[in-house]
Amino acid sequence: MSGTARPLALVAGAGRLPELVADSLERAGRPFRVLAVRGFTERAMRARADATVDLLDIPGTLRILKDWAPEAVVPAGGVARPSPAALLNAAHAVKNRDILRGLAGGDDRLLRAVLALLEENGHRVLGVHEVAPDLLGRPGRLGRHVPDKEATLSIATGRAMLGALSPFDVGQAAVVAAERVIAVEGPEGTDRMLIRARALGRKPFGYGNAPKGTVLVKLPKLGQDLRIDLPAIGPRTVHRAAAAGCAGIAIGAGYTLVIDTEQTVAAADAAGLFLIGLEVAP
């Protein structure tokens, strides 16, 4: 790679994803700089950060990006649940209230507004799936187990239902048993939905047997901008799905992050769950 290549700007939110993306970029020999978000970025990535900003300091963030002149901006990791550190510099909320007012709305509307703000300031935005494709689930069977007839029907039901809900600002996942939808992901996220599904699907009180062929289906919404809202699963997802009585997990191949792939597949194999990548066209 040429030494004059412009670096990517990796905006590191919460969780392990920014670290995994950084490691993937290093393996690929692609230059990048890390912009940490105070109160969200994990310790490992804070140590690798080239700069740190407050969540609400929008002009400051834009100034840093202007100075860096990156090839593209890559958002990675969440900023959905502010910690006390993230809110320490609340003065920025007052200073930037006119900008923040334009970002009000549901998750999808907020994410689209952030992306538009970056692009309006001359920055190209790339998704994790575009810069680190090795982190994505591949098509077909990922582990030892395969779906049976009942689970195959559940997958078909989940695909149809999630496709129908795509125009609305709801989640990307559902727990389905045959033609019965047990739970749909809301603002609480997949893990908490699976806790709810356990109580609903395992009678009584989450301790009975789940319906045969229960499956977690997690897919991108049709027409979703994957640059800033990519579905993801990991070992914890597998453990939660097993506790909810799921026979397996179906994800959108090439459009779903599999965090710690080897550990995720191993956890599914150990729990007796199938893990399968579905061909999708978001």
C-alpha atoms as a PDB file:
ATOM      1  CA  MET A   1       0.000   0.000   0.000  1.00  0.00           C
ATOM      2  CA  SER A   2       1.204   3.462  -0.826  1.00  0.00           C
ATOM      3  CA  GLY A   3       2.569   5.508   2.079  1.00  0.00           C
ATOM      4  CA  THR A   4       0.467   8.447   0.862  1.00  0.00           C
ATOM      5  CA  ALA A   5      -2.831   6.619   1.374  1.00  0.00           C
ATOM      6  CA  ARG A   6      -5.288   8.665   3.416  1.00  0.00           C
ATOM      7  CA  PRO A   7      -6.302   6.949   6.651  1.00  0.00           C
ATOM      8  CA  LEU A   8      -9.807   5.989   7.666  1.00  0.00           C
ATOM      9  CA  ALA A   9     -11.318   7.671  10.734  1.00  0.00           C
ATOM     10  CA  LEU A  10     -12.633   4.939  13.026  1.00  0.00           C
ATOM     11  CA  VAL A  11     -15.186   6.439  15.424  1.00  0.00           C
ATOM     12  CA  ALA A  12     -15.063   4.070  18.395  1.00  0.00           C
ATOM     13  CA  GLY A  13     -18.266   3.676  20.372  1.00  0.00           C
ATOM     14  CA  ALA A  14     -19.039   1.142  23.099  1.00  0.00           C
ATOM     15  CA  GLY A  15     -18.355  -2.582  23.068  1.00  0.00           C
ATOM     16  CA  ARG A  16     -15.675  -4.769  21.467  1.00  0.00           C
ATOM     17  CA  LEU A  17     -16.614  -4.033  17.865  1.00  0.00           C
ATOM     18  CA  PRO A  18     -14.255  -1.030  17.443  1.00  0.00           C
ATOM     19  CA  GLU A  19     -11.334  -3.175  18.625  1.00  0.00           C
ATOM     20  CA  LEU A  20     -12.277  -5.987  16.235  1.00  0.00           C
ATOM     21  CA  VAL A  21     -12.542  -3.527  13.338  1.00  0.00           C
ATOM     22  CA  ALA A  22      -9.184  -1.968  14.218  1.00  0.00           C
ATOM     23  CA  ASP A  23      -7.570  -5.415  14.310  1.00  0.00           C
ATOM     24  CA  SER A  24      -9.136  -6.281  10.934  1.00  0.00           C
ATOM     25  CA  LEU A  25      -7.827  -3.052   9.389  1.00  0.00           C
ATOM     26  CA  GLU A  26      -4.351  -3.758  10.738  1.00  0.00           C
ATOM     27  CA  ARG A  27      -4.414  -7.267   9.245  1.00  0.00           C
ATOM     28  CA  ALA A  28      -5.389  -5.752   5.908  1.00  0.00           C
ATOM     29  CA  GLY A  29      -2.625  -3.133   6.139  1.00  0.00           C
ATOM     30  CA  ARG A  30      -5.139  -0.301   5.868  1.00  0.00           C
ATOM     31  CA  PRO A  31      -4.170   2.940   7.677  1.00  0.00           C
ATOM     32  CA  PHE A  32      -6.646   4.432  10.167  1.00  0.00           C
ATOM     33  CA  ARG A  33      -6.938   6.831  13.073  1.00  0.00           C
ATOM     34  CA  VAL A  34      -9.164   6.318  16.115  1.00  0.00           C
ATOM     35  CA  LEU A  35     -11.608   8.908  17.430  1.00  0.00           C
ATOM     36  CA  ALA A  36     -12.789   7.876  20.903  1.00  0.00           C
ATOM     37  CA  VAL A  37     -16.107   9.012  22.393  1.00  0.00           C
ATOM     38  CA  ARG A  38     -15.778   9.897  26.063  1.00  0.00           C
ATOM     39  CA  GLY A  39     -17.901   7.678  28.287  1.00  0.00           C
ATOM     40  CA  PHE A  40     -18.439   5.036  25.597  1.00  0.00           C
ATOM     41  CA  THR A  41     -15.135   3.831  24.162  1.00  0.00           C
ATOM     42  CA  GLU A  42     -13.697   0.818  25.983  1.00  0.00           C
ATOM     43  CA  ARG A  43     -10.304   1.013  27.711  1.00  0.00           C
ATOM     44  CA  ALA A  44      -8.471  -1.016  25.057  1.00  0.00           C
ATOM     45  CA  MET A  45      -9.516   1.416  22.335  1.00  0.00           C
ATOM     46  CA  ARG A  46      -9.006   4.521  24.469  1.00  0.00           C
ATOM     47  CA  ALA A  47      -5.364   3.487  24.652  1.00  0.00           C
ATOM     48  CA  ARG A  48      -5.226   3.425  20.841  1.00  0.00           C
ATOM     49  CA  ALA A  49      -7.141   6.685  20.321  1.00  0.00           C
ATOM     50  CA  ASP A  50      -5.650   9.581  18.384  1.00  0.00           C
ATOM     51  CA  ALA A  51      -8.251  11.973  19.803  1.00  0.00           C
ATOM     52  CA  THR A  52     -11.210  11.938  22.210  1.00  0.00           C
ATOM     53  CA  VAL A  53     -14.444  13.914  21.962  1.00  0.00           C
ATOM     54  CA  ASP A  54     -17.556  14.399  24.050  1.00  0.00           C
ATOM     55  CA  LEU A  55     -20.667  12.802  22.628  1.00  0.00           C
ATOM     56  CA  LEU A  56     -22.439  16.141  22.329  1.00  0.00           C
ATOM     57  CA  ASP A  57     -19.497  18.153  21.014  1.00  0.00           C
ATOM     58  CA  ILE A  58     -20.576  18.081  17.388  1.00  0.00           C
ATOM     59  CA  PRO A  59     -18.533  21.099  16.181  1.00  0.00           C
ATOM     60  CA  GLY A  60     -15.434  19.744  17.935  1.00  0.00           C
ATOM     61  CA  THR A  61     -15.861  16.371  16.265  1.00  0.00           C
ATOM     62  CA  LEU A  62     -16.259  17.985  12.869  1.00  0.00           C
ATOM     63  CA  ARG A  63     -13.113  20.103  13.443  1.00  0.00           C
ATOM     64  CA  ILE A  64     -11.047  17.008  14.198  1.00  0.00           C
ATOM     65  CA  LEU A  65     -12.330  15.211  11.128  1.00  0.00           C
ATOM     66  CA  LYS A  66     -11.595  18.263   9.002  1.00  0.00           C
ATOM     67  CA  ASP A  67      -8.009  18.307  10.292  1.00  0.00           C
ATOM     68  CA  TRP A  68      -7.570  14.572   9.658  1.00  0.00           C
ATOM     69  CA  ALA A  69      -9.094  14.703   6.146  1.00  0.00           C
ATOM     70  CA  PRO A  70      -9.779  10.944   6.237  1.00  0.00           C
ATOM     71  CA  GLU A  71     -10.528   8.786   3.223  1.00  0.00           C
ATOM     72  CA  ALA A  72     -13.806   7.925   4.973  1.00  0.00           C
ATOM     73  CA  VAL A  73     -15.419   7.878   8.419  1.00  0.00           C
ATOM     74  CA  VAL A  74     -16.266   4.443   9.862  1.00  0.00           C
ATOM     75  CA  PRO A  75     -18.660   4.418  12.862  1.00  0.00           C
ATOM     76  CA  ALA A  76     -18.297   1.299  15.031  1.00  0.00           C
ATOM     77  CA  GLY A  77     -19.866   0.471  18.375  1.00  0.00           C
ATOM     78  CA  GLY A  78     -22.889   1.813  20.192  1.00  0.00           C
ATOM     79  CA  VAL A  79     -23.716   5.117  21.846  1.00  0.00           C
ATOM     80  CA  ALA A  80     -27.247   4.221  22.930  1.00  0.00           C
ATOM     81  CA  ARG A  81     -26.914   4.180  26.735  1.00  0.00           C
ATOM     82  CA  PRO A  82     -24.923   7.177  28.023  1.00  0.00           C
ATOM     83  CA  SER A  83     -22.680   6.633  31.044  1.00  0.00           C
ATOM     84  CA  PRO A  84     -22.104   9.448  33.579  1.00  0.00           C
ATOM     85  CA  ALA A  85     -18.789  10.268  31.883  1.00  0.00           C
ATOM     86  CA  ALA A  86     -20.591  10.720  28.565  1.00  0.00           C
ATOM     87  CA  LEU A  87     -22.820  13.391  30.112  1.00  0.00           C
ATOM     88  CA  LEU A  88     -20.186  15.305  32.098  1.00  0.00           C
ATOM     89  CA  ASN A  89     -19.805  18.006  29.462  1.00  0.00           C
ATOM     90  CA  ALA A  90     -23.515  18.714  29.213  1.00  0.00           C
ATOM     91  CA  ALA A  91     -22.751  22.327  28.235  1.00  0.00           C
ATOM     92  CA  HIS A  92     -22.319  21.020  24.710  1.00  0.00           C
ATOM     93  CA  ALA A  93     -26.005  20.059  24.708  1.00  0.00           C
ATOM     94  CA  VAL A  94     -26.911  23.706  25.266  1.00  0.00           C
ATOM     95  CA  LYS A  95     -24.332  25.100  22.858  1.00  0.00           C
ATOM     96  CA  ASN A  96     -25.433  22.704  20.115  1.00  0.00           C
ATOM     97  CA  ARG A  97     -29.158  22.584  20.893  1.00  0.00           C
ATOM     98  CA  ASP A  98     -30.153  23.714  17.391  1.00  0.00           C
ATOM     99  CA  ILE A  99     -28.150  20.870  15.840  1.00  0.00           C
ATOM    100  CA  LEU A 100     -29.411  18.335  18.382  1.00  0.00           C
ATOM    101  CA  ARG A 101     -33.024  19.357  17.782  1.00  0.00           C
ATOM    102  CA  GLY A 102     -32.621  18.217  14.198  1.00  0.00           C
ATOM    103  CA  LEU A 103     -31.434  14.794  15.385  1.00  0.00           C
ATOM    104  CA  ALA A 104     -34.541  14.047  17.458  1.00  0.00           C
ATOM    105  CA  GLY A 105     -36.616  10.966  16.649  1.00  0.00           C
ATOM    106  CA  GLY A 106     -36.372   7.190  16.670  1.00  0.00           C
ATOM    107  CA  ASP A 107     -33.188   5.194  16.292  1.00  0.00           C
ATOM    108  CA  ASP A 108     -33.336   4.992  12.489  1.00  0.00           C
ATOM    109  CA  ARG A 109     -34.109   8.698  12.137  1.00  0.00           C
ATOM    110  CA  LEU A 110     -31.282   9.611  14.529  1.00  0.00           C
ATOM    111  CA  LEU A 111     -28.745   7.439  12.720  1.00  0.00           C
ATOM    112  CA  ARG A 112     -29.736   8.788   9.319  1.00  0.00           C
ATOM    113  CA  ALA A 113     -29.417  12.343  10.649  1.00  0.00           C
ATOM    114  CA  VAL A 114     -25.906  11.694  11.966  1.00  0.00           C
ATOM    115  CA  LEU A 115     -24.863  10.185   8.650  1.00  0.00           C
ATOM    116  CA  ALA A 116     -26.352  13.124   6.746  1.00  0.00           C
ATOM    117  CA  LEU A 117     -24.520  15.586   9.015  1.00  0.00           C
ATOM    118  CA  LEU A 118     -21.185  13.926   8.256  1.00  0.00           C
ATOM    119  CA  GLU A 119     -21.869  13.846   4.523  1.00  0.00           C
ATOM    120  CA  GLU A 120     -23.015  17.477   4.515  1.00  0.00           C
ATOM    121  CA  ASN A 121     -19.591  18.349   5.909  1.00  0.00           C
ATOM    122  CA  GLY A 122     -17.838  16.567   3.055  1.00  0.00           C
ATOM    123  CA  HIS A 123     -17.108  13.225   4.698  1.00  0.00           C
ATOM    124  CA  ARG A 124     -17.661   9.877   3.033  1.00  0.00           C
ATOM    125  CA  VAL A 125     -19.118   7.319   5.459  1.00  0.00           C
ATOM    126  CA  LEU A 126     -18.349   3.597   5.175  1.00  0.00           C
ATOM    127  CA  GLY A 127     -19.866   0.763   7.171  1.00  0.00           C
ATOM    128  CA  VAL A 128     -18.023  -1.945   9.052  1.00  0.00           C
ATOM    129  CA  HIS A 129     -19.245  -4.458   6.460  1.00  0.00           C
ATOM    130  CA  GLU A 130     -17.412  -2.454   3.781  1.00  0.00           C
ATOM    131  CA  VAL A 131     -14.032  -2.167   5.535  1.00  0.00           C
ATOM    132  CA  ALA A 132     -13.930  -5.386   7.587  1.00  0.00           C
ATOM    133  CA  PRO A 133     -15.859  -8.055   5.644  1.00  0.00           C
ATOM    134  CA  ASP A 134     -13.977 -10.812   7.477  1.00  0.00           C
ATOM    135  CA  LEU A 135     -16.115 -10.046  10.544  1.00  0.00           C
ATOM    136  CA  LEU A 136     -19.378 -10.964   8.780  1.00  0.00           C
ATOM    137  CA  GLY A 137     -21.274 -14.237   8.883  1.00  0.00           C
ATOM    138  CA  ARG A 138     -20.981 -16.327   5.711  1.00  0.00           C
ATOM    139  CA  PRO A 139     -23.818 -18.116   3.888  1.00  0.00           C
ATOM    140  CA  GLY A 140     -24.882 -21.599   4.928  1.00  0.00           C
ATOM    141  CA  ARG A 141     -24.233 -23.678   8.036  1.00  0.00           C
ATOM    142  CA  LEU A 142     -21.694 -22.119  10.418  1.00  0.00           C
ATOM    143  CA  GLY A 143     -21.587 -24.880  13.012  1.00  0.00           C
ATOM    144  CA  ARG A 144     -22.315 -28.602  13.363  1.00  0.00           C
ATOM    145  CA  HIS A 145     -26.091 -28.489  13.643  1.00  0.00           C
ATOM    146  CA  VAL A 146     -28.766 -27.936  10.973  1.00  0.00           C
ATOM    147  CA  PRO A 147     -32.399 -26.765  11.216  1.00  0.00           C
ATOM    148  CA  ASP A 148     -35.118 -29.417  11.142  1.00  0.00           C
ATOM    149  CA  LYS A 149     -38.524 -29.137   9.459  1.00  0.00           C
ATOM    150  CA  GLU A 150     -40.124 -27.143  12.288  1.00  0.00           C
ATOM    151  CA  ALA A 151     -37.176 -24.751  12.538  1.00  0.00           C
ATOM    152  CA  THR A 152     -37.182 -24.229   8.764  1.00  0.00           C
ATOM    153  CA  LEU A 153     -40.823 -23.123   8.983  1.00  0.00           C
ATOM    154  CA  SER A 154     -39.933 -20.782  11.855  1.00  0.00           C
ATOM    155  CA  ILE A 155     -37.165 -19.198   9.763  1.00  0.00           C
ATOM    156  CA  ALA A 156     -39.570 -18.613   6.862  1.00  0.00           C
ATOM    157  CA  THR A 157     -42.123 -17.024   9.206  1.00  0.00           C
ATOM    158  CA  GLY A 158     -39.473 -14.796  10.789  1.00  0.00           C
ATOM    159  CA  ARG A 159     -38.153 -13.645   7.428  1.00  0.00           C
ATOM    160  CA  ALA A 160     -41.637 -12.730   6.198  1.00  0.00           C
ATOM    161  CA  MET A 161     -42.582 -10.933   9.407  1.00  0.00           C
ATOM    162  CA  LEU A 162     -39.355  -8.920   9.684  1.00  0.00           C
ATOM    163  CA  GLY A 163     -39.633  -7.980   6.017  1.00  0.00           C
ATOM    164  CA  ALA A 164     -43.161  -6.677   6.587  1.00  0.00           C
ATOM    165  CA  LEU A 165     -41.984  -4.614   9.583  1.00  0.00           C
ATOM    166  CA  SER A 166     -39.012  -3.092   7.737  1.00  0.00           C
ATOM    167  CA  PRO A 167     -40.716   0.270   6.993  1.00  0.00           C
ATOM    168  CA  PHE A 168     -41.175   0.827  10.727  1.00  0.00           C
ATOM    169  CA  ASP A 169     -38.577   1.859  13.318  1.00  0.00           C
ATOM    170  CA  VAL A 170     -38.496  -1.458  15.193  1.00  0.00           C
ATOM    171  CA  GLY A 171     -35.773  -4.014  15.792  1.00  0.00           C
ATOM    172  CA  GLN A 172     -34.013  -6.438  13.497  1.00  0.00           C
ATOM    173  CA  ALA A 173     -34.793  -9.682  15.309  1.00  0.00           C
ATOM    174  CA  ALA A 174     -37.646 -11.955  16.359  1.00  0.00           C
ATOM    175  CA  VAL A 175     -38.151 -15.237  18.164  1.00  0.00           C
ATOM    176  CA  VAL A 176     -40.479 -17.467  16.184  1.00  0.00           C
ATOM    177  CA  ALA A 177     -41.926 -20.965  16.632  1.00  0.00           C
ATOM    178  CA  ALA A 178     -43.442 -22.366  13.410  1.00  0.00           C
ATOM    179  CA  GLU A 179     -46.033 -19.730  12.418  1.00  0.00           C
ATOM    180  CA  ARG A 180     -46.210 -18.177  15.884  1.00  0.00           C
ATOM    181  CA  VAL A 181     -44.225 -15.009  16.659  1.00  0.00           C
ATOM    182  CA  ILE A 182     -43.181 -15.158  20.310  1.00  0.00           C
ATOM    183  CA  ALA A 183     -41.286 -11.852  20.552  1.00  0.00           C
ATOM    184  CA  VAL A 184     -40.154  -8.995  18.334  1.00  0.00           C
ATOM    185  CA  GLU A 185     -37.102  -6.899  19.175  1.00  0.00           C
ATOM    186  CA  GLY A 186     -37.855  -3.394  20.365  1.00  0.00           C
ATOM    187  CA  PRO A 187     -35.653  -0.614  21.754  1.00  0.00           C
ATOM    188  CA  GLU A 188     -34.373  -2.968  24.473  1.00  0.00           C
ATOM    189  CA  GLY A 189     -32.165  -4.893  22.015  1.00  0.00           C
ATOM    190  CA  THR A 190     -31.774  -8.566  21.144  1.00  0.00           C
ATOM    191  CA  ASP A 191     -30.431  -9.801  24.485  1.00  0.00           C
ATOM    192  CA  ARG A 192     -33.317  -8.375  26.494  1.00  0.00           C
ATOM    193  CA  MET A 193     -35.821  -9.540  23.893  1.00  0.00           C
ATOM    194  CA  LEU A 194     -34.486 -13.079  24.383  1.00  0.00           C
ATOM    195  CA  ILE A 195     -35.017 -12.788  28.146  1.00  0.00           C
ATOM    196  CA  ARG A 196     -38.590 -11.730  27.446  1.00  0.00           C
ATOM    197  CA  ALA A 197     -39.008 -14.556  24.936  1.00  0.00           C
ATOM    198  CA  ARG A 198     -37.919 -17.084  27.541  1.00  0.00           C
ATOM    199  CA  ALA A 199     -40.720 -15.983  29.877  1.00  0.00           C
ATOM    200  CA  LEU A 200     -43.255 -15.964  27.043  1.00  0.00           C
ATOM    201  CA  GLY A 201     -42.199 -19.170  25.300  1.00  0.00           C
ATOM    202  CA  ARG A 202     -41.322 -21.373  28.294  1.00  0.00           C
ATOM    203  CA  LYS A 203     -44.468 -21.897  30.366  1.00  0.00           C
ATOM    204  CA  PRO A 204     -44.837 -21.470  33.274  1.00  0.00           C
ATOM    205  CA  PHE A 205     -42.622 -18.572  34.326  1.00  0.00           C
ATOM    206  CA  GLY A 206     -39.882 -19.309  31.823  1.00  0.00           C
ATOM    207  CA  TYR A 207     -39.080 -22.794  33.149  1.00  0.00           C
ATOM    208  CA  GLY A 208     -41.164 -25.125  30.997  1.00  0.00           C
ATOM    209  CA  ASN A 209     -40.357 -26.440  27.532  1.00  0.00           C
ATOM    210  CA  ALA A 210     -40.197 -23.962  24.657  1.00  0.00           C
ATOM    211  CA  PRO A 211     -42.291 -24.702  21.535  1.00  0.00           C
ATOM    212  CA  LYS A 212     -40.579 -27.122  19.169  1.00  0.00           C
ATOM    213  CA  GLY A 213     -38.568 -25.432  16.418  1.00  0.00           C
ATOM    214  CA  THR A 214     -38.194 -22.075  18.193  1.00  0.00           C
ATOM    215  CA  VAL A 215     -35.661 -19.920  16.313  1.00  0.00           C
ATOM    216  CA  LEU A 216     -34.005 -16.525  16.736  1.00  0.00           C
ATOM    217  CA  VAL A 217     -34.112 -14.801  13.350  1.00  0.00           C
ATOM    218  CA  LYS A 218     -31.935 -11.681  13.003  1.00  0.00           C
ATOM    219  CA  LEU A 219     -31.836  -9.869   9.663  1.00  0.00           C
ATOM    220  CA  PRO A 220     -31.174  -6.362   8.338  1.00  0.00           C
ATOM    221  CA  LYS A 221     -34.250  -4.350   7.514  1.00  0.00           C
ATOM    222  CA  LEU A 222     -35.095  -4.027   3.842  1.00  0.00           C
ATOM    223  CA  GLY A 223     -33.497  -0.819   2.571  1.00  0.00           C
ATOM    224  CA  GLN A 224     -31.616  -0.295   5.844  1.00  0.00           C
ATOM    225  CA  ASP A 225     -28.463   1.821   5.768  1.00  0.00           C
ATOM    226  CA  LEU A 226     -25.986  -0.772   7.020  1.00  0.00           C
ATOM    227  CA  ARG A 227     -23.188   1.756   7.410  1.00  0.00           C
ATOM    228  CA  ILE A 228     -24.494   2.778  10.811  1.00  0.00           C
ATOM    229  CA  ASP A 229     -26.849   0.026  11.974  1.00  0.00           C
ATOM    230  CA  LEU A 230     -25.495  -3.434  11.182  1.00  0.00           C
ATOM    231  CA  PRO A 231     -27.069  -6.469  12.900  1.00  0.00           C
ATOM    232  CA  ALA A 232     -24.705  -8.351  15.201  1.00  0.00           C
ATOM    233  CA  ILE A 233     -24.565 -11.527  17.272  1.00  0.00           C
ATOM    234  CA  GLY A 234     -21.938 -13.033  19.571  1.00  0.00           C
ATOM    235  CA  PRO A 235     -21.430 -15.689  22.247  1.00  0.00           C
ATOM    236  CA  ARG A 236     -23.797 -13.904  24.632  1.00  0.00           C
ATOM    237  CA  THR A 237     -26.520 -13.997  21.964  1.00  0.00           C
ATOM    238  CA  VAL A 238     -26.079 -17.772  21.716  1.00  0.00           C
ATOM    239  CA  HIS A 239     -26.330 -18.239  25.490  1.00  0.00           C
ATOM    240  CA  ARG A 240     -29.460 -16.082  25.657  1.00  0.00           C
ATOM    241  CA  ALA A 241     -31.040 -17.919  22.718  1.00  0.00           C
ATOM    242  CA  ALA A 242     -30.342 -21.290  24.351  1.00  0.00           C
ATOM    243  CA  ALA A 243     -31.886 -20.086  27.622  1.00  0.00           C
ATOM    244  CA  ALA A 244     -34.970 -18.966  25.675  1.00  0.00           C
ATOM    245  CA  GLY A 245     -35.354 -22.494  24.302  1.00  0.00           C
ATOM    246  CA  CYS A 246     -34.266 -21.738  20.756  1.00  0.00           C
ATOM    247  CA  ALA A 247     -33.240 -24.610  18.496  1.00  0.00           C
ATOM    248  CA  GLY A 248     -31.017 -22.283  16.511  1.00  0.00           C
ATOM    249  CA  ILE A 249     -30.176 -18.848  15.126  1.00  0.00           C
ATOM    250  CA  ALA A 250     -30.628 -17.602  11.549  1.00  0.00           C
ATOM    251  CA  ILE A 251     -28.764 -14.466  10.423  1.00  0.00           C
ATOM    252  CA  GLY A 252     -28.386 -12.473   7.224  1.00  0.00           C
ATOM    253  CA  ALA A 253     -25.209 -13.765   5.537  1.00  0.00           C
ATOM    254  CA  GLY A 254     -22.805 -10.988   4.584  1.00  0.00           C
ATOM    255  CA  TYR A 255     -24.876  -8.425   6.485  1.00  0.00           C
ATOM    256  CA  THR A 256     -24.529  -9.574  10.098  1.00  0.00           C
ATOM    257  CA  LEU A 257     -21.492  -9.144  12.325  1.00  0.00           C
ATOM    258  CA  VAL A 258     -20.462 -12.277  14.188  1.00  0.00           C
ATOM    259  CA  ILE A 259     -18.503 -11.062  17.205  1.00  0.00           C
ATOM    260  CA  ASP A 260     -15.730 -13.516  18.137  1.00  0.00           C
ATOM    261  CA  THR A 261     -16.714 -15.957  15.397  1.00  0.00           C
ATOM    262  CA  GLU A 262     -14.874 -19.009  16.724  1.00  0.00           C
ATOM    263  CA  GLN A 263     -16.292 -18.608  20.217  1.00  0.00           C
ATOM    264  CA  THR A 264     -19.789 -17.933  18.871  1.00  0.00           C
ATOM    265  CA  VAL A 265     -19.796 -21.061  16.710  1.00  0.00           C
ATOM    266  CA  ALA A 266     -18.316 -23.135  19.521  1.00  0.00           C
ATOM    267  CA  ALA A 267     -20.997 -21.900  21.926  1.00  0.00           C
ATOM    268  CA  ALA A 268     -23.739 -22.812  19.434  1.00  0.00           C
ATOM    269  CA  ASP A 269     -22.259 -26.283  18.895  1.00  0.00           C
ATOM    270  CA  ALA A 270     -21.962 -26.889  22.645  1.00  0.00           C
ATOM    271  CA  ALA A 271     -25.553 -25.779  23.253  1.00  0.00           C
ATOM    272  CA  GLY A 272     -26.898 -27.902  20.398  1.00  0.00           C
ATOM    273  CA  LEU A 273     -28.069 -24.863  18.427  1.00  0.00           C
ATOM    274  CA  PHE A 274     -27.761 -24.521  14.683  1.00  0.00           C
ATOM    275  CA  LEU A 275     -26.254 -21.291  13.337  1.00  0.00           C
ATOM    276  CA  ILE A 276     -27.043 -20.556   9.717  1.00  0.00           C
ATOM    277  CA  GLY A 277     -26.429 -17.665   7.328  1.00  0.00           C
ATOM    278  CA  LEU A 278     -29.349 -16.808   5.040  1.00  0.00           C
ATOM    279  CA  GLU A 279     -29.029 -15.177   1.632  1.00  0.00           C
ATOM    280  CA  VAL A 280     -30.615 -11.729   1.927  1.00  0.00           C
ATOM    281  CA  ALA A 281     -30.880  -8.616  -0.194  1.00  0.00           C
ATOM    282  CA  PRO A 282     -31.332  -5.601   2.131  1.00  0.00           C
END
